[in-house]
Amino acid sequence: MTCKEAQALISAAVDGELDDATMREFLIAIEKCEHCRAEYEAELQTKKLLREKLKRVKAPQSLVDAITRQTIERGKPTTTQFNAMSVATEPIQTPNQRFERWKRALIEAIYINPQLNSKAHPIFAMALGTCILAMLIFASFAREERNVFDAQSSYLTAGAQSNIFDATSRLFDESQNPDVKTKDASVIANHIEKVFGVSPVIPKVKSFQPNAARIAAFGSADVGEVRFVHDKDPKTVVAIYIARENDVLKNATVERDVIQYISENGRNFYRKTCPSGNQVVVWKWGEMIYMATTNNPEINLLSEISNPHWVN
């Protein structure tokens, strides 16, 4: 199996749609190619994130049992129960007569024996039970979604009160396990693109190589984190965070002169040292804002970072 054939099967493999023979051949192919394997792992992590945000909600067993009993006990409705719904051909009907006719029709639809107002009609009971079940599921789903986003933004207690430099330093200190481990910048770009819908530029860092990437939380928004390790000292790390400009401005304060400066030219990098001691560099390419920091204070990020598309 060629790389082109393997990449065409990545989505189906992640969804478990391949037969055993094809899946074995696919796994053999990606073991031979680091790029294909990284693409497959990135797709796995992306769909895992989506599944974690969409949780299944189980209806209460008491409601299920009640609907089941109503369906079994009532049986099929008789023909006479629907006859009252038909419109009688009367020459002239007063408003009171029309009201009484529709009232009788409604009672016929709700009760099996309208004269005694006895047991509810099975169709009405099923419709009512379905509406209640739908409302319970919707309410539970909305509550779960709100909890997910609340958890994502918990590390910034007041996003508008944290400036962009302190927020970047905090993200770096609270880093978690990566979604993808790869040296291939194109794989990292594809992984981040699936979240933002825009293909970001993965910067070059002199004497460093890409090592891993993940999707992190920046307040109530997503941010792509790319980790670089030094060629000779793997413990020396540079982290670059990529986010939409609008998301940054909603979740952190940015001084007006900083925004103006980095917006004038893609080569304008703004550097600041945080109270934590971390240096943070901010710049802008297109609609994305980039934030970089490192665990080595001896590294000058202003001279190390560049755009791979720059001629010089």
Protein backbone atom coordinates (compact mmCIF):
# COMPACT_ATOMS: atom_id res chain seq x y z
CA MET A 1 0.00 0.00 0.00
CA THR A 2 1.40 3.40 -1.02
CA CYS A 3 1.40 6.51 1.18
CA LYS A 4 -1.28 8.08 -1.01
CA GLU A 5 -3.53 5.05 -0.57
CA ALA A 6 -2.90 4.97 3.21
CA GLN A 7 -3.71 8.67 3.64
CA ALA A 8 -6.99 8.18 1.75
CA LEU A 9 -7.98 5.51 4.29
CA ILE A 10 -7.08 7.45 7.48
CA SER A 11 -10.60 8.72 8.18
CA ALA A 12 -12.18 5.31 7.57
CA ALA A 13 -9.56 3.64 9.79
CA VAL A 14 -10.25 6.04 12.65
CA ASP A 15 -14.01 5.39 12.34
CA GLY A 16 -13.50 1.60 12.29
CA GLU A 17 -14.96 1.20 8.79
CA LEU A 18 -12.16 -0.93 7.30
CA ASP A 19 -12.36 -4.72 7.12
CA ASP A 20 -9.72 -6.75 8.98
CA ALA A 21 -7.51 -7.40 5.96
CA THR A 22 -7.47 -3.78 4.81
CA MET A 23 -6.86 -2.54 8.37
CA ARG A 24 -3.83 -4.86 8.76
CA GLU A 25 -2.41 -3.62 5.46
CA PHE A 26 -3.07 -0.01 6.51
CA LEU A 27 -1.29 -0.44 9.87
CA ILE A 28 1.72 -1.99 8.15
CA ALA A 29 1.87 0.94 5.73
CA ILE A 30 1.79 3.68 8.39
CA GLU A 31 4.43 1.88 10.47
CA LYS A 32 6.81 2.35 7.55
CA CYS A 33 6.04 6.07 7.11
CA GLU A 34 6.37 8.58 9.97
CA HIS A 35 4.32 11.22 8.10
CA CYS A 36 1.37 8.85 7.52
CA ARG A 37 1.55 7.60 11.09
CA ALA A 38 1.53 11.15 12.45
CA GLU A 39 -1.48 12.04 10.25
CA TYR A 40 -3.34 8.98 11.59
CA GLU A 41 -2.52 9.83 15.24
CA ALA A 42 -3.59 13.46 14.72
CA GLU A 43 -6.93 12.34 13.30
CA LEU A 44 -7.41 9.98 16.27
CA GLN A 45 -6.76 12.77 18.78
CA THR A 46 -9.01 15.27 16.98
CA LYS A 47 -12.00 12.91 16.96
CA LYS A 48 -11.28 11.94 20.55
CA LEU A 49 -11.57 15.62 21.56
CA LEU A 50 -14.88 15.93 19.73
CA ARG A 51 -16.27 12.79 21.38
CA GLU A 52 -15.29 14.06 24.83
CA LYS A 53 -17.28 17.27 24.26
CA LEU A 54 -20.41 15.42 23.11
CA LYS A 55 -21.54 13.14 25.94
CA ARG A 56 -24.44 10.70 25.70
CA VAL A 57 -27.38 11.24 28.06
CA LYS A 58 -29.46 8.30 29.26
CA ALA A 59 -33.15 8.84 29.93
CA PRO A 60 -34.44 7.97 33.44
CA GLN A 61 -35.58 4.34 33.60
CA SER A 62 -38.85 5.37 35.27
CA LEU A 63 -39.81 7.42 32.20
CA VAL A 64 -38.93 4.57 29.83
CA ASP A 65 -40.99 2.11 31.90
CA ALA A 66 -44.00 4.48 31.97
CA ILE A 67 -44.01 4.88 28.19
CA THR A 68 -43.65 1.11 27.72
CA ARG A 69 -46.62 0.38 30.04
CA GLN A 70 -48.82 2.91 28.26
CA THR A 71 -48.00 1.36 24.88
CA ILE A 72 -48.67 -2.24 25.97
CA GLU A 73 -51.81 -1.64 28.06
CA ARG A 74 -53.71 0.62 25.67
CA GLY A 75 -53.63 -1.49 22.50
CA LYS A 76 -54.60 -0.11 19.10
CA PRO A 77 -57.09 2.74 18.90
CA THR A 78 -60.54 1.94 17.45
CA THR A 79 -61.97 3.49 14.34
CA THR A 80 -64.67 5.33 16.29
CA GLN A 81 -62.04 7.21 18.25
CA PHE A 82 -60.94 8.94 15.07
CA ASN A 83 -64.40 9.52 13.61
CA ALA A 84 -64.94 12.49 15.90
CA MET A 85 -61.99 14.21 14.22
CA SER A 86 -63.77 14.35 10.88
CA VAL A 87 -65.68 17.50 10.01
CA ALA A 88 -69.48 17.15 10.01
CA THR A 89 -71.27 18.59 7.05
CA GLU A 90 -73.67 20.97 8.73
CA PRO A 91 -75.34 23.76 6.76
CA ILE A 92 -74.62 26.50 9.32
CA GLN A 93 -72.59 26.35 12.54
CA THR A 94 -72.44 29.00 15.21
CA PRO A 95 -69.11 29.76 16.96
CA ASN A 96 -70.34 27.88 20.05
CA GLN A 97 -71.17 24.80 17.97
CA ARG A 98 -67.75 24.81 16.33
CA PHE A 99 -66.07 25.18 19.73
CA GLU A 100 -68.05 22.24 21.15
CA ARG A 101 -67.20 20.09 18.12
CA TRP A 102 -63.46 20.68 18.47
CA LYS A 103 -63.71 20.20 22.23
CA ARG A 104 -65.31 16.76 21.73
CA ALA A 105 -62.66 15.88 19.13
CA LEU A 106 -59.86 16.82 21.53
CA ILE A 107 -61.41 14.73 24.33
CA GLU A 108 -61.78 11.78 21.93
CA ALA A 109 -58.09 12.06 21.06
CA ILE A 110 -56.94 12.24 24.70
CA TYR A 111 -59.15 9.59 26.35
CA ILE A 112 -60.07 6.03 25.39
CA ASN A 113 -63.55 6.47 26.92
CA PRO A 114 -64.48 10.17 26.54
CA GLN A 115 -67.73 9.82 28.57
CA LEU A 116 -65.84 8.61 31.64
CA ASN A 117 -62.61 10.52 31.02
CA SER A 118 -60.85 7.28 31.88
CA LYS A 119 -57.44 6.14 30.65
CA ALA A 120 -55.38 8.28 28.34
CA HIS A 121 -55.24 7.38 24.66
CA PRO A 122 -51.97 5.48 23.88
CA ILE A 123 -51.04 7.81 20.99
CA PHE A 124 -51.49 10.87 23.21
CA ALA A 125 -49.50 9.22 26.02
CA MET A 126 -46.66 8.32 23.65
CA ALA A 127 -46.55 11.84 22.18
CA LEU A 128 -46.50 13.42 25.63
CA GLY A 129 -43.82 11.02 26.85
CA THR A 130 -41.68 11.70 23.77
CA CYS A 131 -41.88 15.48 24.35
CA ILE A 132 -40.87 15.11 27.99
CA LEU A 133 -38.00 12.80 27.07
CA ALA A 134 -36.75 15.25 24.41
CA MET A 135 -36.82 18.14 26.90
CA LEU A 136 -34.87 16.12 29.49
CA ILE A 137 -32.22 15.12 26.95
CA PHE A 138 -31.86 18.70 25.67
CA ALA A 139 -31.53 20.08 29.20
CA SER A 140 -28.90 17.49 30.15
CA PHE A 141 -26.95 18.11 26.93
CA ALA A 142 -26.94 21.88 27.48
CA ARG A 143 -25.75 21.40 31.06
CA GLU A 144 -22.91 19.08 29.99
CA GLU A 145 -21.77 21.50 27.26
CA ARG A 146 -21.71 24.37 29.75
CA ASN A 147 -19.63 22.28 32.17
CA VAL A 148 -17.13 21.46 29.41
CA PHE A 149 -16.51 25.10 28.56
CA ASP A 150 -16.43 26.10 32.24
CA ALA A 151 -13.71 23.52 32.83
CA GLN A 152 -11.71 24.75 29.85
CA SER A 153 -11.69 28.32 31.15
CA SER A 154 -11.02 27.49 34.81
CA TYR A 155 -7.31 28.30 34.59
CA LEU A 156 -8.16 31.94 33.77
CA THR A 157 -10.45 33.16 36.54
CA ALA A 158 -10.99 36.46 34.75
CA GLY A 159 -9.78 36.35 31.16
CA ALA A 160 -10.27 40.05 30.57
CA GLN A 161 -8.06 40.80 33.61
CA SER A 162 -5.07 38.71 32.43
CA ASN A 163 -2.74 40.32 29.93
CA ILE A 164 -1.53 38.33 26.97
CA PHE A 165 1.99 37.91 28.37
CA ASP A 166 0.94 36.51 31.75
CA ALA A 167 -1.65 34.25 30.07
CA THR A 168 1.05 32.83 27.77
CA SER A 169 3.41 32.23 30.68
CA ARG A 170 0.63 30.47 32.61
CA LEU A 171 -0.23 28.26 29.62
CA PHE A 172 3.42 27.21 29.37
CA ASP A 173 3.65 26.37 33.09
CA GLU A 174 0.42 24.34 32.98
CA SER A 175 1.27 22.37 29.85
CA GLN A 176 -0.21 18.86 29.56
CA ASN A 177 0.36 15.80 27.41
CA PRO A 178 0.47 16.52 23.64
CA ASP A 179 -2.14 15.40 21.12
CA VAL A 180 0.49 14.65 18.48
CA LYS A 181 4.22 13.91 18.69
CA THR A 182 5.94 14.59 15.37
CA LYS A 183 8.77 16.54 13.73
CA ASP A 184 6.67 17.16 10.62
CA ALA A 185 5.47 20.79 10.57
CA SER A 186 2.80 20.00 7.94
CA VAL A 187 1.19 17.40 10.23
CA ILE A 188 1.11 19.92 13.06
CA ALA A 189 -0.43 22.55 10.75
CA ASN A 190 -3.15 20.09 9.64
CA HIS A 191 -3.96 19.22 13.25
CA ILE A 192 -4.39 22.87 14.22
CA GLU A 193 -6.27 23.68 10.99
CA LYS A 194 -9.05 21.23 11.92
CA VAL A 195 -9.87 23.42 14.94
CA PHE A 196 -9.54 26.90 13.43
CA GLY A 197 -10.53 26.21 9.81
CA VAL A 198 -7.46 28.18 8.71
CA SER A 199 -4.08 26.67 7.85
CA PRO A 200 -1.58 28.37 10.20
CA VAL A 201 2.07 29.07 9.43
CA ILE A 202 4.30 26.96 11.68
CA PRO A 203 7.29 29.19 12.55
CA LYS A 204 10.93 28.16 12.24
CA VAL A 205 13.06 28.33 15.38
CA LYS A 206 16.82 28.41 14.83
CA SER A 207 18.59 25.34 16.27
CA PHE A 208 15.22 23.86 17.30
CA GLN A 209 12.98 21.18 15.77
CA PRO A 210 9.20 20.69 16.16
CA ASN A 211 8.48 17.95 18.66
CA ALA A 212 4.77 17.92 19.60
CA ALA A 213 1.46 19.77 19.34
CA ARG A 214 -1.84 19.98 21.20
CA ILE A 215 -5.05 22.02 21.37
CA ALA A 216 -5.19 23.95 24.64
CA ALA A 217 -7.71 26.30 26.28
CA PHE A 218 -7.16 30.05 26.16
CA GLY A 219 -9.98 31.31 28.35
CA SER A 220 -13.15 30.26 26.53
CA ALA A 221 -11.32 29.82 23.20
CA ASP A 222 -8.97 27.25 21.67
CA VAL A 223 -5.27 27.81 21.09
CA GLY A 224 -2.79 25.62 19.22
CA GLU A 225 0.42 24.84 21.10
CA VAL A 226 3.56 23.77 19.21
CA ARG A 227 6.59 22.60 21.20
CA PHE A 228 10.13 22.82 19.83
CA VAL A 229 13.19 21.12 21.38
CA HIS A 230 16.81 22.15 20.98
CA ASP A 231 18.94 20.07 18.59
CA LYS A 232 21.64 19.45 21.21
CA ASP A 233 19.73 19.86 24.49
CA PRO A 234 16.23 18.26 24.44
CA LYS A 235 15.47 19.79 27.86
CA THR A 236 15.54 23.27 26.34
CA VAL A 237 12.06 23.96 25.03
CA VAL A 238 10.38 26.74 23.06
CA ALA A 239 6.57 26.80 23.04
CA ILE A 240 4.60 28.77 20.46
CA TYR A 241 0.86 29.38 20.84
CA ILE A 242 -1.38 30.16 17.85
CA ALA A 243 -4.85 31.70 18.17
CA ARG A 244 -7.30 33.87 16.23
CA GLU A 245 -6.88 37.58 16.92
CA ASN A 246 -10.54 37.94 18.00
CA ASP A 247 -10.21 35.06 20.49
CA VAL A 248 -7.07 36.62 22.01
CA LEU A 249 -8.72 40.03 22.42
CA LYS A 250 -11.80 38.44 24.08
CA ASN A 251 -9.81 36.45 26.63
CA ALA A 252 -6.81 38.65 27.49
CA THR A 253 -5.91 42.31 27.56
CA VAL A 254 -3.45 43.54 24.96
CA GLU A 255 -2.08 47.07 25.10
CA ARG A 256 -3.15 49.19 22.15
CA ASP A 257 0.43 50.08 21.21
CA VAL A 258 1.32 46.36 21.14
CA ILE A 259 -1.53 45.55 18.74
CA GLN A 260 -0.68 48.51 16.52
CA TYR A 261 3.00 47.58 16.42
CA ILE A 262 2.57 43.89 15.54
CA SER A 263 -0.20 44.69 13.01
CA GLU A 264 1.98 47.07 11.01
CA ASN A 265 4.43 44.42 9.83
CA GLY A 266 4.73 40.65 10.13
CA ARG A 267 8.37 41.14 11.15
CA ASN A 268 7.44 43.25 14.18
CA PHE A 269 7.94 41.08 17.26
CA TYR A 270 7.08 42.53 20.69
CA ARG A 271 9.00 41.12 23.66
CA LYS A 272 8.26 41.38 27.39
CA THR A 273 9.54 39.69 30.55
CA CYS A 274 6.76 38.50 32.90
CA PRO A 275 6.87 38.67 36.74
CA SER A 276 7.45 34.89 36.64
CA GLY A 277 10.73 35.53 34.83
CA ASN A 278 9.57 34.03 31.51
CA GLN A 279 10.21 36.07 28.41
CA VAL A 280 7.21 36.20 26.05
CA VAL A 281 7.27 37.35 22.43
CA VAL A 282 4.09 38.29 20.55
CA TRP A 283 3.57 38.86 16.80
CA LYS A 284 0.90 38.60 14.12
CA TRP A 285 0.71 36.79 10.76
CA GLY A 286 -2.59 37.19 8.91
CA GLU A 287 -5.58 36.81 11.23
CA MET A 288 -3.60 34.72 13.72
CA ILE A 289 -1.66 36.00 16.73
CA TYR A 290 1.42 34.07 17.85
CA MET A 291 2.81 33.96 21.40
CA ALA A 292 6.15 32.35 22.21
CA THR A 293 8.03 31.57 25.43
CA THR A 294 10.86 29.31 26.60
CA ASN A 295 12.25 27.66 29.72
CA ASN A 296 15.78 28.94 28.95
CA PRO A 297 16.27 32.65 29.76
CA GLU A 298 19.53 32.67 27.79
CA ILE A 299 17.71 32.23 24.48
CA ASN A 300 16.86 35.39 22.54
CA LEU A 301 13.52 34.54 20.95
CA LEU A 302 13.54 37.74 18.88
CA SER A 303 16.46 36.47 16.83
CA GLU A 304 15.55 32.78 16.84
CA ILE A 305 12.01 32.81 15.38
CA SER A 306 11.23 33.41 11.69
CA ASN A 307 8.62 32.72 9.01
CA PRO A 308 9.54 29.77 6.76
CA HIS A 309 8.17 31.71 3.76
CA TRP A 310 10.54 34.64 4.23
CA VAL A 311 13.24 34.86 1.58
CA ASN A 312 15.73 36.41 4.00
